[in-house]
Each structure stands twice: as C-alpha cells, then as structure tokens.
N, C-alpha and C. Protein backbone atom coordinates (compact mmCIF):
# COMPACT_ATOMS: atom_id res chain seq x y z
N MET A 1 120.18 118.14 117.81
CA MET A 1 118.73 118.14 117.52
C MET A 1 118.46 118.24 116.03
N GLY A 2 119.39 118.91 115.30
CA GLY A 2 119.19 119.05 113.87
C GLY A 2 119.18 117.72 113.16
N LEU A 3 120.09 116.80 113.57
CA LEU A 3 120.16 115.48 112.96
C LEU A 3 118.91 114.67 113.27
N ILE A 4 118.46 114.75 114.53
CA ILE A 4 117.25 114.01 114.93
C ILE A 4 116.04 114.53 114.18
N ASP A 5 115.94 115.84 114.05
CA ASP A 5 114.82 116.43 113.32
C ASP A 5 114.85 116.00 111.85
N SER A 6 116.06 115.88 111.30
CA SER A 6 116.18 115.47 109.90
C SER A 6 115.72 114.03 109.70
N VAL A 7 116.10 113.18 110.66
CA VAL A 7 115.70 111.76 110.57
C VAL A 7 114.20 111.61 110.66
N PHE A 8 113.58 112.28 111.66
CA PHE A 8 112.14 112.19 111.81
C PHE A 8 111.42 112.87 110.65
N GLY A 9 112.07 113.84 110.02
CA GLY A 9 111.46 114.52 108.88
C GLY A 9 111.26 113.61 107.70
N LEU A 10 112.07 112.53 107.62
CA LEU A 10 111.93 111.58 106.52
C LEU A 10 110.59 110.85 106.58
N PHE A 11 110.03 110.73 107.78
CA PHE A 11 108.78 109.99 107.97
C PHE A 11 107.56 110.91 108.06
N LYS A 12 107.79 112.19 107.91
CA LYS A 12 106.70 113.15 108.01
C LYS A 12 105.83 113.12 106.76
N ASP A 13 104.53 113.20 106.97
CA ASP A 13 103.60 113.23 105.85
C ASP A 13 103.67 114.61 105.19
N ARG A 14 104.21 114.64 103.99
CA ARG A 14 104.42 115.92 103.32
C ARG A 14 103.35 116.23 102.28
N ARG A 15 102.28 115.48 102.31
CA ARG A 15 101.19 115.76 101.36
C ARG A 15 100.52 117.09 101.69
N GLU A 16 99.96 117.69 100.68
CA GLU A 16 99.23 118.95 100.86
C GLU A 16 97.97 118.69 101.70
N VAL A 17 97.64 119.64 102.56
CA VAL A 17 96.44 119.51 103.39
C VAL A 17 95.20 119.65 102.51
N LEU A 18 94.24 118.76 102.73
CA LEU A 18 93.01 118.76 101.95
C LEU A 18 92.16 119.99 102.27
N ASP A 19 91.78 120.72 101.24
CA ASP A 19 90.89 121.87 101.39
C ASP A 19 89.46 121.39 101.17
N LEU A 20 88.74 121.17 102.26
CA LEU A 20 87.39 120.62 102.16
C LEU A 20 86.42 121.55 101.43
N SER A 21 86.71 122.83 101.43
CA SER A 21 85.83 123.78 100.74
C SER A 21 85.92 123.63 99.23
N SER A 22 86.96 122.94 98.74
CA SER A 22 87.11 122.76 97.30
C SER A 22 86.01 121.87 96.71
N PHE A 23 85.31 121.11 97.57
CA PHE A 23 84.23 120.26 97.09
C PHE A 23 82.92 121.05 96.91
N ASN A 24 82.92 122.31 97.35
CA ASN A 24 81.75 123.19 97.18
C ASN A 24 80.47 122.56 97.71
N ASP A 25 80.58 121.95 98.89
CA ASP A 25 79.42 121.29 99.49
C ASP A 25 79.57 121.37 101.01
N PRO A 26 78.60 121.96 101.72
CA PRO A 26 78.68 122.07 103.19
C PRO A 26 78.81 120.71 103.88
N LEU A 27 78.25 119.66 103.26
CA LEU A 27 78.31 118.35 103.89
C LEU A 27 79.74 117.84 103.99
N ALA A 28 80.59 118.22 103.05
CA ALA A 28 81.99 117.78 103.07
C ALA A 28 82.72 118.31 104.29
N LEU A 29 82.24 119.39 104.86
CA LEU A 29 82.88 120.00 106.03
C LEU A 29 82.49 119.31 107.33
N SER A 30 81.41 118.54 107.31
CA SER A 30 80.90 117.97 108.56
C SER A 30 81.10 116.46 108.66
N ILE A 31 81.38 115.77 107.57
CA ILE A 31 81.54 114.31 107.63
C ILE A 31 82.94 113.94 108.11
N ASP A 32 83.11 112.67 108.45
CA ASP A 32 84.40 112.17 108.88
C ASP A 32 85.22 111.77 107.66
N TRP A 33 86.50 112.10 107.68
CA TRP A 33 87.39 111.77 106.57
C TRP A 33 88.41 110.71 106.95
N LYS A 34 88.31 110.17 108.14
CA LYS A 34 89.18 109.07 108.51
C LYS A 34 88.68 107.79 107.87
N PRO A 35 89.55 106.76 107.69
CA PRO A 35 89.08 105.48 107.14
C PRO A 35 87.91 104.93 107.95
N LEU A 36 86.95 104.38 107.25
CA LEU A 36 85.74 103.87 107.90
C LEU A 36 85.94 102.47 108.47
N VAL A 37 86.71 101.64 107.77
CA VAL A 37 86.96 100.27 108.22
C VAL A 37 88.45 100.08 108.42
N GLY A 38 88.82 99.29 109.40
CA GLY A 38 90.24 99.07 109.67
C GLY A 38 90.83 97.99 108.78
N GLY A 39 92.12 98.08 108.55
CA GLY A 39 92.79 97.06 107.74
C GLY A 39 92.49 97.21 106.27
N GLY A 40 92.27 96.09 105.61
CA GLY A 40 92.04 96.10 104.17
C GLY A 40 93.04 95.20 103.48
N SER A 41 92.70 94.67 102.34
CA SER A 41 93.59 93.76 101.62
C SER A 41 94.59 94.55 100.79
N ASN A 42 95.70 93.90 100.44
CA ASN A 42 96.71 94.54 99.60
C ASN A 42 96.55 94.21 98.13
N PHE A 43 95.43 93.55 97.78
CA PHE A 43 95.12 93.28 96.37
C PHE A 43 93.67 93.66 96.11
N CYS A 44 93.32 93.72 94.86
CA CYS A 44 91.97 94.17 94.47
C CYS A 44 90.94 93.09 94.73
N THR A 45 89.96 93.37 95.57
CA THR A 45 88.95 92.37 95.94
C THR A 45 87.64 92.51 95.18
N HIS A 46 87.28 93.75 94.77
CA HIS A 46 86.01 93.98 94.07
C HIS A 46 86.22 94.96 92.92
N ARG A 47 85.49 94.75 91.83
CA ARG A 47 85.50 95.68 90.72
C ARG A 47 84.07 95.97 90.28
N LEU A 48 83.89 97.16 89.71
CA LEU A 48 82.57 97.57 89.24
C LEU A 48 82.31 96.95 87.88
N ARG A 49 81.16 96.33 87.73
CA ARG A 49 80.76 95.73 86.47
C ARG A 49 79.36 96.21 86.12
N LYS A 50 79.13 96.53 84.88
CA LYS A 50 77.82 96.99 84.43
C LYS A 50 77.12 95.89 83.65
N THR A 51 75.86 95.66 83.99
CA THR A 51 75.05 94.67 83.31
C THR A 51 73.73 95.31 82.93
N SER A 52 73.10 94.77 81.91
CA SER A 52 71.82 95.33 81.47
C SER A 52 70.89 94.20 81.06
N SER A 53 69.61 94.47 81.22
CA SER A 53 68.56 93.54 80.80
C SER A 53 67.46 94.36 80.15
N PHE A 54 66.35 93.70 79.87
CA PHE A 54 65.23 94.41 79.24
C PHE A 54 64.59 95.42 80.20
N THR A 55 64.73 95.18 81.49
CA THR A 55 64.03 96.03 82.46
C THR A 55 64.95 96.92 83.28
N GLU A 56 66.22 96.49 83.50
CA GLU A 56 67.09 97.23 84.39
C GLU A 56 68.51 97.36 83.83
N ASP A 57 69.15 98.46 84.21
CA ASP A 57 70.54 98.72 83.89
C ASP A 57 71.29 98.82 85.21
N LEU A 58 72.13 97.84 85.51
CA LEU A 58 72.75 97.74 86.83
C LEU A 58 74.24 98.02 86.79
N ALA A 59 74.76 98.56 87.88
CA ALA A 59 76.19 98.70 88.12
C ALA A 59 76.49 97.94 89.41
N CYS A 60 77.35 96.94 89.34
CA CYS A 60 77.54 96.04 90.47
C CYS A 60 79.02 95.90 90.83
N PHE A 61 79.32 95.96 92.12
CA PHE A 61 80.65 95.62 92.61
C PHE A 61 80.68 94.13 92.88
N LYS A 62 81.52 93.41 92.13
CA LYS A 62 81.61 91.96 92.24
C LYS A 62 83.00 91.54 92.69
N VAL A 63 83.07 90.39 93.33
CA VAL A 63 84.35 89.84 93.76
C VAL A 63 85.21 89.55 92.53
N THR A 64 86.47 89.97 92.57
CA THR A 64 87.36 89.75 91.44
C THR A 64 87.79 88.28 91.36
N PHE A 65 88.28 87.90 90.19
CA PHE A 65 88.75 86.52 90.00
C PHE A 65 89.92 86.21 90.92
N VAL A 66 90.82 87.19 91.09
CA VAL A 66 91.99 86.99 91.96
C VAL A 66 91.55 86.74 93.39
N ALA A 67 90.60 87.52 93.88
CA ALA A 67 90.11 87.35 95.25
C ALA A 67 89.40 86.01 95.41
N PHE A 68 88.60 85.65 94.41
CA PHE A 68 87.89 84.37 94.44
C PHE A 68 88.89 83.21 94.47
N LEU A 69 89.91 83.30 93.60
CA LEU A 69 90.92 82.24 93.53
C LEU A 69 91.69 82.14 94.84
N PHE A 70 92.00 83.28 95.45
CA PHE A 70 92.72 83.30 96.72
C PHE A 70 91.95 82.52 97.79
N CYS A 71 90.67 82.76 97.86
CA CYS A 71 89.83 82.07 98.86
C CYS A 71 89.71 80.58 98.56
N ILE A 72 89.54 80.24 97.28
CA ILE A 72 89.38 78.84 96.88
C ILE A 72 90.65 78.04 97.17
N VAL A 73 91.82 78.65 96.91
CA VAL A 73 93.08 77.95 97.19
C VAL A 73 93.20 77.63 98.67
N PHE A 74 92.85 78.57 99.52
CA PHE A 74 92.86 78.34 100.96
C PHE A 74 91.97 77.15 101.31
N ALA A 75 90.77 77.17 100.75
CA ALA A 75 89.81 76.11 101.07
C ALA A 75 90.28 74.75 100.55
N ILE A 76 90.85 74.71 99.35
CA ILE A 76 91.31 73.45 98.77
C ILE A 76 92.48 72.88 99.56
N VAL A 77 93.41 73.75 99.95
CA VAL A 77 94.54 73.30 100.77
C VAL A 77 94.05 72.66 102.06
N GLY A 78 93.08 73.28 102.67
CA GLY A 78 92.52 72.72 103.90
C GLY A 78 91.81 71.40 103.67
N PHE A 79 91.03 71.33 102.59
CA PHE A 79 90.25 70.12 102.29
C PHE A 79 91.16 68.95 101.96
N VAL A 80 92.11 69.19 101.05
CA VAL A 80 93.03 68.12 100.64
C VAL A 80 93.94 67.72 101.80
N GLY A 81 94.47 68.71 102.50
CA GLY A 81 95.36 68.42 103.62
C GLY A 81 94.71 67.58 104.69
N PHE A 82 93.44 67.84 104.95
CA PHE A 82 92.71 67.06 105.97
C PHE A 82 92.62 65.59 105.60
N PHE A 83 92.24 65.30 104.37
CA PHE A 83 92.06 63.91 103.97
C PHE A 83 93.39 63.18 103.78
N VAL A 84 94.42 63.89 103.31
CA VAL A 84 95.74 63.26 103.19
C VAL A 84 96.27 62.89 104.56
N ALA A 85 96.17 63.81 105.51
CA ALA A 85 96.64 63.54 106.87
C ALA A 85 95.85 62.41 107.50
N LEU A 86 94.58 62.35 107.22
CA LEU A 86 93.72 61.30 107.78
C LEU A 86 94.09 59.93 107.23
N LEU A 87 94.40 59.91 105.92
CA LEU A 87 94.75 58.63 105.29
C LEU A 87 96.14 58.16 105.70
N LEU A 88 97.09 59.09 105.85
CA LEU A 88 98.47 58.70 106.16
C LEU A 88 98.68 58.37 107.63
N SER A 89 98.04 59.15 108.50
CA SER A 89 98.28 58.95 109.93
C SER A 89 97.16 58.17 110.60
N GLY A 90 95.98 58.28 110.06
CA GLY A 90 94.86 57.56 110.62
C GLY A 90 94.36 58.12 111.93
N ASP A 91 94.88 59.30 112.32
CA ASP A 91 94.41 59.90 113.57
C ASP A 91 93.74 61.24 113.27
N GLU A 92 93.59 62.05 114.28
CA GLU A 92 92.86 63.31 114.12
C GLU A 92 93.78 64.50 113.87
N SER A 93 95.05 64.28 113.50
CA SER A 93 95.98 65.38 113.27
C SER A 93 95.56 66.23 112.08
N GLY A 94 94.78 65.65 111.20
CA GLY A 94 94.34 66.39 110.02
C GLY A 94 93.34 67.49 110.30
N TRP A 95 92.80 67.52 111.50
CA TRP A 95 91.81 68.55 111.84
C TRP A 95 92.42 69.95 111.74
N PHE A 96 93.74 70.05 111.88
CA PHE A 96 94.41 71.35 111.76
C PHE A 96 94.14 71.99 110.40
N PHE A 97 94.11 71.16 109.35
CA PHE A 97 93.92 71.69 107.99
C PHE A 97 92.52 72.26 107.78
N LEU A 98 91.59 71.86 108.61
CA LEU A 98 90.24 72.39 108.47
C LEU A 98 90.20 73.89 108.79
N ILE A 99 91.23 74.38 109.48
CA ILE A 99 91.32 75.82 109.73
C ILE A 99 91.45 76.57 108.40
N PHE A 100 92.29 76.03 107.49
CA PHE A 100 92.45 76.64 106.17
C PHE A 100 91.13 76.62 105.40
N LEU A 101 90.43 75.50 105.50
CA LEU A 101 89.13 75.40 104.83
C LEU A 101 88.16 76.44 105.37
N ALA A 102 88.12 76.59 106.68
CA ALA A 102 87.21 77.55 107.31
C ALA A 102 87.58 78.99 106.94
N VAL A 103 88.89 79.28 106.94
CA VAL A 103 89.35 80.63 106.60
C VAL A 103 89.01 80.97 105.16
N GLY A 104 89.28 80.05 104.24
CA GLY A 104 88.97 80.28 102.83
C GLY A 104 87.49 80.49 102.59
N ALA A 105 86.66 79.63 103.19
CA ALA A 105 85.21 79.75 103.03
C ALA A 105 84.70 81.03 103.68
N GLY A 106 85.26 81.37 104.85
CA GLY A 106 84.84 82.57 105.55
C GLY A 106 85.17 83.84 104.79
N MET A 107 86.37 83.90 104.21
CA MET A 107 86.75 85.08 103.44
C MET A 107 85.87 85.24 102.21
N LEU A 108 85.58 84.14 101.53
CA LEU A 108 84.74 84.22 100.35
C LEU A 108 83.33 84.66 100.71
N TRP A 109 82.80 84.14 101.81
CA TRP A 109 81.47 84.54 102.27
C TRP A 109 81.44 86.03 102.58
N TRP A 110 82.48 86.53 103.26
CA TRP A 110 82.54 87.94 103.63
C TRP A 110 82.63 88.83 102.39
N MET A 111 83.44 88.43 101.42
CA MET A 111 83.58 89.22 100.20
C MET A 111 82.28 89.23 99.39
N LYS A 112 81.60 88.09 99.35
CA LYS A 112 80.33 88.04 98.63
C LYS A 112 79.27 88.88 99.33
N ARG A 113 79.33 88.93 100.65
CA ARG A 113 78.38 89.75 101.42
C ARG A 113 78.56 91.23 101.11
N LYS A 114 79.78 91.64 100.74
CA LYS A 114 80.07 93.04 100.45
C LYS A 114 79.71 93.43 99.02
N GLU A 115 79.32 92.49 98.20
CA GLU A 115 78.90 92.83 96.84
C GLU A 115 77.68 93.75 96.91
N ILE A 116 77.64 94.72 96.04
CA ILE A 116 76.55 95.70 96.06
C ILE A 116 76.16 96.04 94.63
N SER A 117 74.86 96.18 94.39
CA SER A 117 74.34 96.48 93.06
C SER A 117 73.53 97.76 93.12
N PHE A 118 73.67 98.58 92.08
CA PHE A 118 72.97 99.85 91.97
C PHE A 118 72.07 99.83 90.74
N CYS A 119 70.86 100.34 90.90
CA CYS A 119 69.93 100.47 89.78
C CYS A 119 69.45 101.92 89.75
N ARG A 120 69.93 102.70 88.79
CA ARG A 120 69.57 104.11 88.75
C ARG A 120 68.15 104.33 88.23
N SER A 121 67.66 103.42 87.37
CA SER A 121 66.32 103.60 86.82
C SER A 121 65.25 103.44 87.89
N SER A 122 65.47 102.52 88.84
CA SER A 122 64.52 102.29 89.92
C SER A 122 64.96 102.93 91.23
N ALA A 123 66.11 103.62 91.21
CA ALA A 123 66.63 104.37 92.37
C ALA A 123 66.73 103.49 93.63
N TYR A 124 67.46 102.37 93.52
CA TYR A 124 67.73 101.55 94.69
C TYR A 124 69.12 100.94 94.57
N TYR A 125 69.64 100.51 95.71
CA TYR A 125 70.85 99.69 95.71
C TYR A 125 70.60 98.48 96.60
N LEU A 126 71.23 97.39 96.26
CA LEU A 126 71.00 96.11 96.92
C LEU A 126 72.31 95.61 97.52
N ARG A 127 72.29 95.33 98.83
CA ARG A 127 73.46 94.79 99.49
C ARG A 127 73.05 93.75 100.52
N ALA A 128 73.72 92.59 100.49
CA ALA A 128 73.45 91.49 101.41
C ALA A 128 71.97 91.11 101.40
N GLY A 129 71.37 91.20 100.22
CA GLY A 129 69.97 90.82 100.05
C GLY A 129 68.97 91.85 100.52
N VAL A 130 69.45 93.01 100.97
CA VAL A 130 68.56 94.06 101.47
C VAL A 130 68.52 95.21 100.47
N ARG A 131 67.32 95.65 100.15
CA ARG A 131 67.13 96.72 99.18
C ARG A 131 67.03 98.07 99.91
N HIS A 132 67.77 99.06 99.42
CA HIS A 132 67.80 100.38 100.04
C HIS A 132 67.46 101.46 99.01
N ASP A 133 66.91 102.56 99.53
CA ASP A 133 66.59 103.70 98.67
C ASP A 133 67.87 104.42 98.27
N ALA A 134 68.09 104.57 96.97
CA ALA A 134 69.32 105.21 96.48
C ALA A 134 69.20 106.72 96.36
N SER A 135 68.02 107.26 96.63
CA SER A 135 67.85 108.71 96.50
C SER A 135 68.65 109.48 97.55
N SER A 136 69.07 108.79 98.62
CA SER A 136 69.83 109.45 99.68
C SER A 136 71.33 109.46 99.40
N LEU A 137 71.78 108.83 98.32
CA LEU A 137 73.20 108.81 97.99
C LEU A 137 73.64 110.20 97.55
N HIS A 138 74.66 110.72 98.20
CA HIS A 138 75.04 112.12 97.99
C HIS A 138 76.39 112.27 97.29
N ALA A 139 77.35 111.44 97.65
CA ALA A 139 78.69 111.55 97.07
C ALA A 139 79.45 110.25 97.28
N ILE A 140 80.60 110.15 96.62
CA ILE A 140 81.50 109.01 96.77
C ILE A 140 82.79 109.52 97.38
N GLN A 141 83.23 108.89 98.45
CA GLN A 141 84.43 109.31 99.17
C GLN A 141 85.56 108.31 98.94
N LEU A 142 86.75 108.84 98.64
CA LEU A 142 87.94 108.01 98.51
C LEU A 142 88.97 108.45 99.56
N VAL A 143 89.39 107.52 100.40
CA VAL A 143 90.42 107.79 101.40
C VAL A 143 91.39 106.63 101.42
N ARG A 144 92.54 106.84 102.03
CA ARG A 144 93.54 105.78 102.12
C ARG A 144 93.92 105.51 103.56
N GLU A 145 94.44 104.32 103.80
CA GLU A 145 94.89 103.92 105.14
C GLU A 145 96.21 103.17 105.02
N TYR A 146 97.15 103.49 105.87
CA TYR A 146 98.43 102.78 105.92
C TYR A 146 98.27 101.58 106.84
N VAL A 147 98.42 100.40 106.28
CA VAL A 147 98.25 99.16 107.03
C VAL A 147 99.63 98.60 107.34
N SER A 148 99.96 98.50 108.60
CA SER A 148 101.28 98.02 109.03
C SER A 148 101.16 96.59 109.54
N GLY A 149 101.96 95.70 108.96
CA GLY A 149 101.96 94.31 109.37
C GLY A 149 103.31 93.88 109.91
N ASN A 150 103.40 92.63 110.36
CA ASN A 150 104.66 92.12 110.91
C ASN A 150 105.73 91.94 109.83
N LYS A 151 105.29 91.52 108.62
CA LYS A 151 106.25 91.23 107.57
C LYS A 151 106.28 92.30 106.48
N HIS A 152 105.17 92.94 106.23
CA HIS A 152 105.15 93.99 105.22
C HIS A 152 104.01 94.96 105.50
N SER A 153 104.13 96.15 104.94
CA SER A 153 103.12 97.19 105.10
C SER A 153 102.68 97.67 103.73
N TYR A 154 101.51 98.26 103.67
CA TYR A 154 100.97 98.70 102.39
C TYR A 154 99.86 99.72 102.63
N TYR A 155 99.44 100.37 101.54
CA TYR A 155 98.29 101.27 101.59
C TYR A 155 97.05 100.53 101.09
N SER A 156 95.97 100.73 101.81
CA SER A 156 94.67 100.22 101.37
C SER A 156 93.76 101.41 101.12
N TYR A 157 92.96 101.34 100.06
CA TYR A 157 92.14 102.47 99.64
C TYR A 157 90.66 102.13 99.79
N GLU A 158 89.93 103.07 100.39
CA GLU A 158 88.50 102.88 100.66
C GLU A 158 87.64 103.66 99.67
N LEU A 159 86.58 103.02 99.23
CA LEU A 159 85.52 103.69 98.49
C LEU A 159 84.28 103.65 99.36
N ASN A 160 83.85 104.82 99.83
CA ASN A 160 82.69 104.91 100.71
C ASN A 160 81.58 105.72 100.05
N LEU A 161 80.35 105.36 100.34
CA LEU A 161 79.19 106.16 99.91
C LEU A 161 78.85 107.14 101.02
N ILE A 162 78.62 108.39 100.64
CA ILE A 162 78.18 109.41 101.58
C ILE A 162 76.68 109.63 101.39
N MET A 163 75.93 109.48 102.48
CA MET A 163 74.50 109.71 102.43
C MET A 163 74.19 111.19 102.68
N SER A 164 72.99 111.59 102.35
CA SER A 164 72.61 113.00 102.49
C SER A 164 72.60 113.45 103.95
N ASP A 165 72.51 112.50 104.89
CA ASP A 165 72.54 112.88 106.31
C ASP A 165 73.96 112.81 106.90
N GLY A 166 74.95 112.52 106.05
CA GLY A 166 76.33 112.49 106.51
C GLY A 166 76.86 111.14 106.91
N THR A 167 76.02 110.12 106.98
CA THR A 167 76.50 108.77 107.31
C THR A 167 77.27 108.20 106.13
N ARG A 168 78.12 107.23 106.42
CA ARG A 168 78.96 106.62 105.39
C ARG A 168 78.73 105.12 105.32
N LEU A 169 78.86 104.57 104.13
CA LEU A 169 78.77 103.13 103.91
C LEU A 169 79.96 102.69 103.08
N ASN A 170 80.75 101.77 103.63
CA ASN A 170 81.90 101.28 102.88
C ASN A 170 81.46 100.32 101.79
N VAL A 171 81.96 100.55 100.59
CA VAL A 171 81.66 99.69 99.45
C VAL A 171 82.77 98.67 99.24
N THR A 172 84.02 99.15 99.19
CA THR A 172 85.15 98.24 99.04
C THR A 172 86.39 98.89 99.64
N ASP A 173 87.38 98.05 99.93
CA ASP A 173 88.58 98.50 100.63
C ASP A 173 89.73 97.59 100.20
N HIS A 174 90.57 98.03 99.29
CA HIS A 174 91.63 97.16 98.78
C HIS A 174 92.86 97.97 98.38
N GLY A 175 93.88 97.29 97.84
CA GLY A 175 95.17 97.91 97.60
C GLY A 175 95.44 98.42 96.21
N SER A 176 94.47 98.38 95.31
CA SER A 176 94.70 98.85 93.94
C SER A 176 94.18 100.28 93.77
N LEU A 177 95.08 101.24 93.74
CA LEU A 177 94.70 102.64 93.59
C LEU A 177 94.07 102.90 92.22
N ARG A 178 94.67 102.35 91.18
CA ARG A 178 94.13 102.56 89.83
C ARG A 178 92.71 102.04 89.71
N ALA A 179 92.48 100.83 90.21
CA ALA A 179 91.16 100.21 90.09
C ALA A 179 90.11 100.97 90.88
N ILE A 180 90.45 101.40 92.10
CA ILE A 180 89.43 102.04 92.93
C ILE A 180 89.07 103.42 92.39
N ARG A 181 90.04 104.11 91.79
CA ARG A 181 89.73 105.40 91.19
C ARG A 181 88.90 105.24 89.92
N GLU A 182 89.22 104.25 89.11
CA GLU A 182 88.43 104.00 87.91
C GLU A 182 86.98 103.67 88.28
N ASP A 183 86.82 102.80 89.28
CA ASP A 183 85.47 102.39 89.68
C ASP A 183 84.70 103.55 90.30
N ALA A 184 85.39 104.39 91.06
CA ALA A 184 84.72 105.55 91.67
C ALA A 184 84.19 106.50 90.62
N HIS A 185 84.98 106.78 89.59
CA HIS A 185 84.54 107.71 88.55
C HIS A 185 83.46 107.09 87.65
N ASP A 186 83.54 105.77 87.42
CA ASP A 186 82.49 105.11 86.65
C ASP A 186 81.17 105.11 87.43
N LEU A 187 81.26 104.85 88.74
CA LEU A 187 80.04 104.87 89.57
C LEU A 187 79.49 106.28 89.67
N SER A 188 80.37 107.26 89.73
CA SER A 188 79.95 108.66 89.77
C SER A 188 79.16 109.03 88.53
N ALA A 189 79.66 108.62 87.37
CA ALA A 189 78.96 108.91 86.12
C ALA A 189 77.63 108.17 86.05
N TYR A 190 77.60 106.97 86.58
CA TYR A 190 76.38 106.16 86.55
C TYR A 190 75.30 106.74 87.46
N LEU A 191 75.67 107.13 88.67
CA LEU A 191 74.69 107.62 89.65
C LEU A 191 74.45 109.12 89.57
N GLY A 192 75.38 109.85 88.94
CA GLY A 192 75.24 111.30 88.85
C GLY A 192 75.55 112.00 90.16
N ILE A 193 76.51 111.46 90.91
CA ILE A 193 76.94 112.09 92.17
C ILE A 193 78.46 112.30 92.09
N PRO A 194 79.01 113.27 92.84
CA PRO A 194 80.44 113.59 92.72
C PRO A 194 81.34 112.62 93.47
N VAL A 195 82.61 112.63 93.09
CA VAL A 195 83.66 111.89 93.79
C VAL A 195 84.44 112.88 94.65
N TRP A 196 84.56 112.61 95.93
CA TRP A 196 85.38 113.41 96.83
C TRP A 196 86.65 112.61 97.13
N ASP A 197 87.70 112.90 96.40
CA ASP A 197 88.93 112.12 96.45
C ASP A 197 89.95 112.79 97.38
N ALA A 198 90.23 112.13 98.50
CA ALA A 198 91.18 112.66 99.49
C ALA A 198 92.45 111.83 99.57
N ILE A 199 92.64 110.91 98.65
CA ILE A 199 93.76 109.97 98.74
C ILE A 199 95.11 110.67 98.72
N ASP A 200 95.26 111.68 97.89
CA ASP A 200 96.56 112.34 97.73
C ASP A 200 96.77 113.50 98.70
N TYR A 201 95.88 113.62 99.69
CA TYR A 201 95.96 114.77 100.60
C TYR A 201 96.06 114.33 102.05
N ARG A 202 96.58 115.22 102.85
CA ARG A 202 96.63 115.04 104.30
C ARG A 202 95.39 115.69 104.89
N LEU A 203 94.77 115.02 105.85
CA LEU A 203 93.53 115.53 106.41
C LEU A 203 93.77 116.68 107.38
N PRO A 204 92.95 117.72 107.31
CA PRO A 204 93.06 118.80 108.30
C PRO A 204 92.61 118.28 109.66
N GLU A 205 93.11 118.87 110.72
CA GLU A 205 92.82 118.39 112.07
C GLU A 205 91.34 118.33 112.40
N PRO A 206 90.53 119.36 112.10
CA PRO A 206 89.09 119.28 112.43
C PRO A 206 88.40 118.10 111.78
N ALA A 207 88.81 117.74 110.57
CA ALA A 207 88.17 116.63 109.87
C ALA A 207 88.53 115.30 110.48
N ALA A 208 89.62 115.25 111.25
CA ALA A 208 90.04 114.00 111.85
C ALA A 208 89.48 113.81 113.25
N ASP A 209 88.61 114.71 113.70
CA ASP A 209 88.02 114.65 115.04
C ASP A 209 87.02 113.50 115.11
N PRO A 210 87.26 112.43 115.89
CA PRO A 210 86.35 111.28 115.96
C PRO A 210 84.99 111.63 116.50
N LYS A 211 84.86 112.78 117.23
CA LYS A 211 83.56 113.16 117.77
C LYS A 211 82.59 113.56 116.68
N ALA A 212 83.15 113.92 115.52
CA ALA A 212 82.30 114.34 114.41
C ALA A 212 81.92 113.18 113.52
N LYS A 213 82.34 111.96 113.89
CA LYS A 213 82.17 110.81 113.01
C LYS A 213 80.72 110.37 112.96
N LYS A 214 80.25 110.20 111.71
CA LYS A 214 78.95 109.59 111.46
C LYS A 214 79.18 108.46 110.49
N SER A 215 78.80 107.25 110.84
CA SER A 215 79.04 106.11 109.97
C SER A 215 77.88 105.16 110.03
N GLU A 216 77.82 104.33 108.96
CA GLU A 216 76.74 103.35 108.89
C GLU A 216 77.33 101.97 108.79
C-alpha cells in the first residue's frame, strides 16, 4: 500500500488551501469559486486595452492578434480548399472544406461577442451591444481550470466579474497566466475594485459546493 500511496501522491494537489477570509469581505465566503465556464483556449484570446476620447476614458477587452489570425487561417483554409477542390474535381467534394470556413468564422464571432468595454466616468460596461450598470461590480475573480484533451492538456485561467449580489460574469478564459493577471490588476486599478486571486490555491470544500453557485 505504501508504494501505491506514493504513486497516487504524485498526482495530489499540494497547493495551499485558499483562506477566503483573507479577502476581508463576507461576499467572498458565499460565492462560487469553481470555474464558471468549461474548457478554455490554451493561448491568449483577449487583452485589456485602454482608449480615451474627449468624452470618455475606456478600458476594453479586445480579441488578440494571435486569436484573430487563428480564426482567419481556419476560414481561409476552408475558403481556398473549397474552390480548389471544386476546380480540380468538378464535383461537390469541396463542401467538406466549408466546415473549416464555418469553424473559423464561428470562433471569431464568438470571441468578438465576448469583447467588453468599461467606462468608469459614466459607470457602465458594454457587452454584446448591451449596456449594463457598472455600479454593481464588486470584485474581480481569478480561478484556474485543468483542461484535459486527447492529445495534450493544459491550464486555462478565468477572469470573472463578481457582482454585489454574488453573481458572476466571465470576461475571458485563456491559457496565459501572465496576461490574465496583468489585465486583472489593470482593470482593478481602473474600476477601483479588488482582485480575488485563487489561481495558486486549492479550494476549500465548502466553496466547491455547487448548491451555493450563483452565476450570470
């Protein structure tokens, strides 16, 4: 049994248990700390960018160039492959390549839909064309998820907004730890709300109770 215990011990999560009271906020004790969205990409999909005009000072999460290029390559492969197959074979075998076109366009549409803009002067945030009151924004949550695939596995990191009523809104979910922490702290400074970073910690059992989950 000692050998078996030693082998399984190699896979045990040895991170320190997260002390939720360290955030000095009762809301941290009642919200869910499990990942809000499943999966996630293994590369950086969105970054925080600040823009300013004569009337507004905005902080916006925009699709990265790498993510944009990834989607465009998929779409181009599908588009070119379809017409090449059509010209060479003259039949409908090229319709298969339209799957790549659809996947590339679909991923880009989904990533653009997740773009979000914050305006602290007017106290609103804008997502998918819908304007929301930003006065309910309470904190920024960082959590991680282990994504297991057939060929490779990786960690994906979530940046979620915590509302004053305990609901959560996912902002971005990708594989760059450095980028997501930088963006979380920049957004924290911009909005004047704290960052609750749980990435380096193991969740306590009560916090992992799905019955306590509140999400948006």
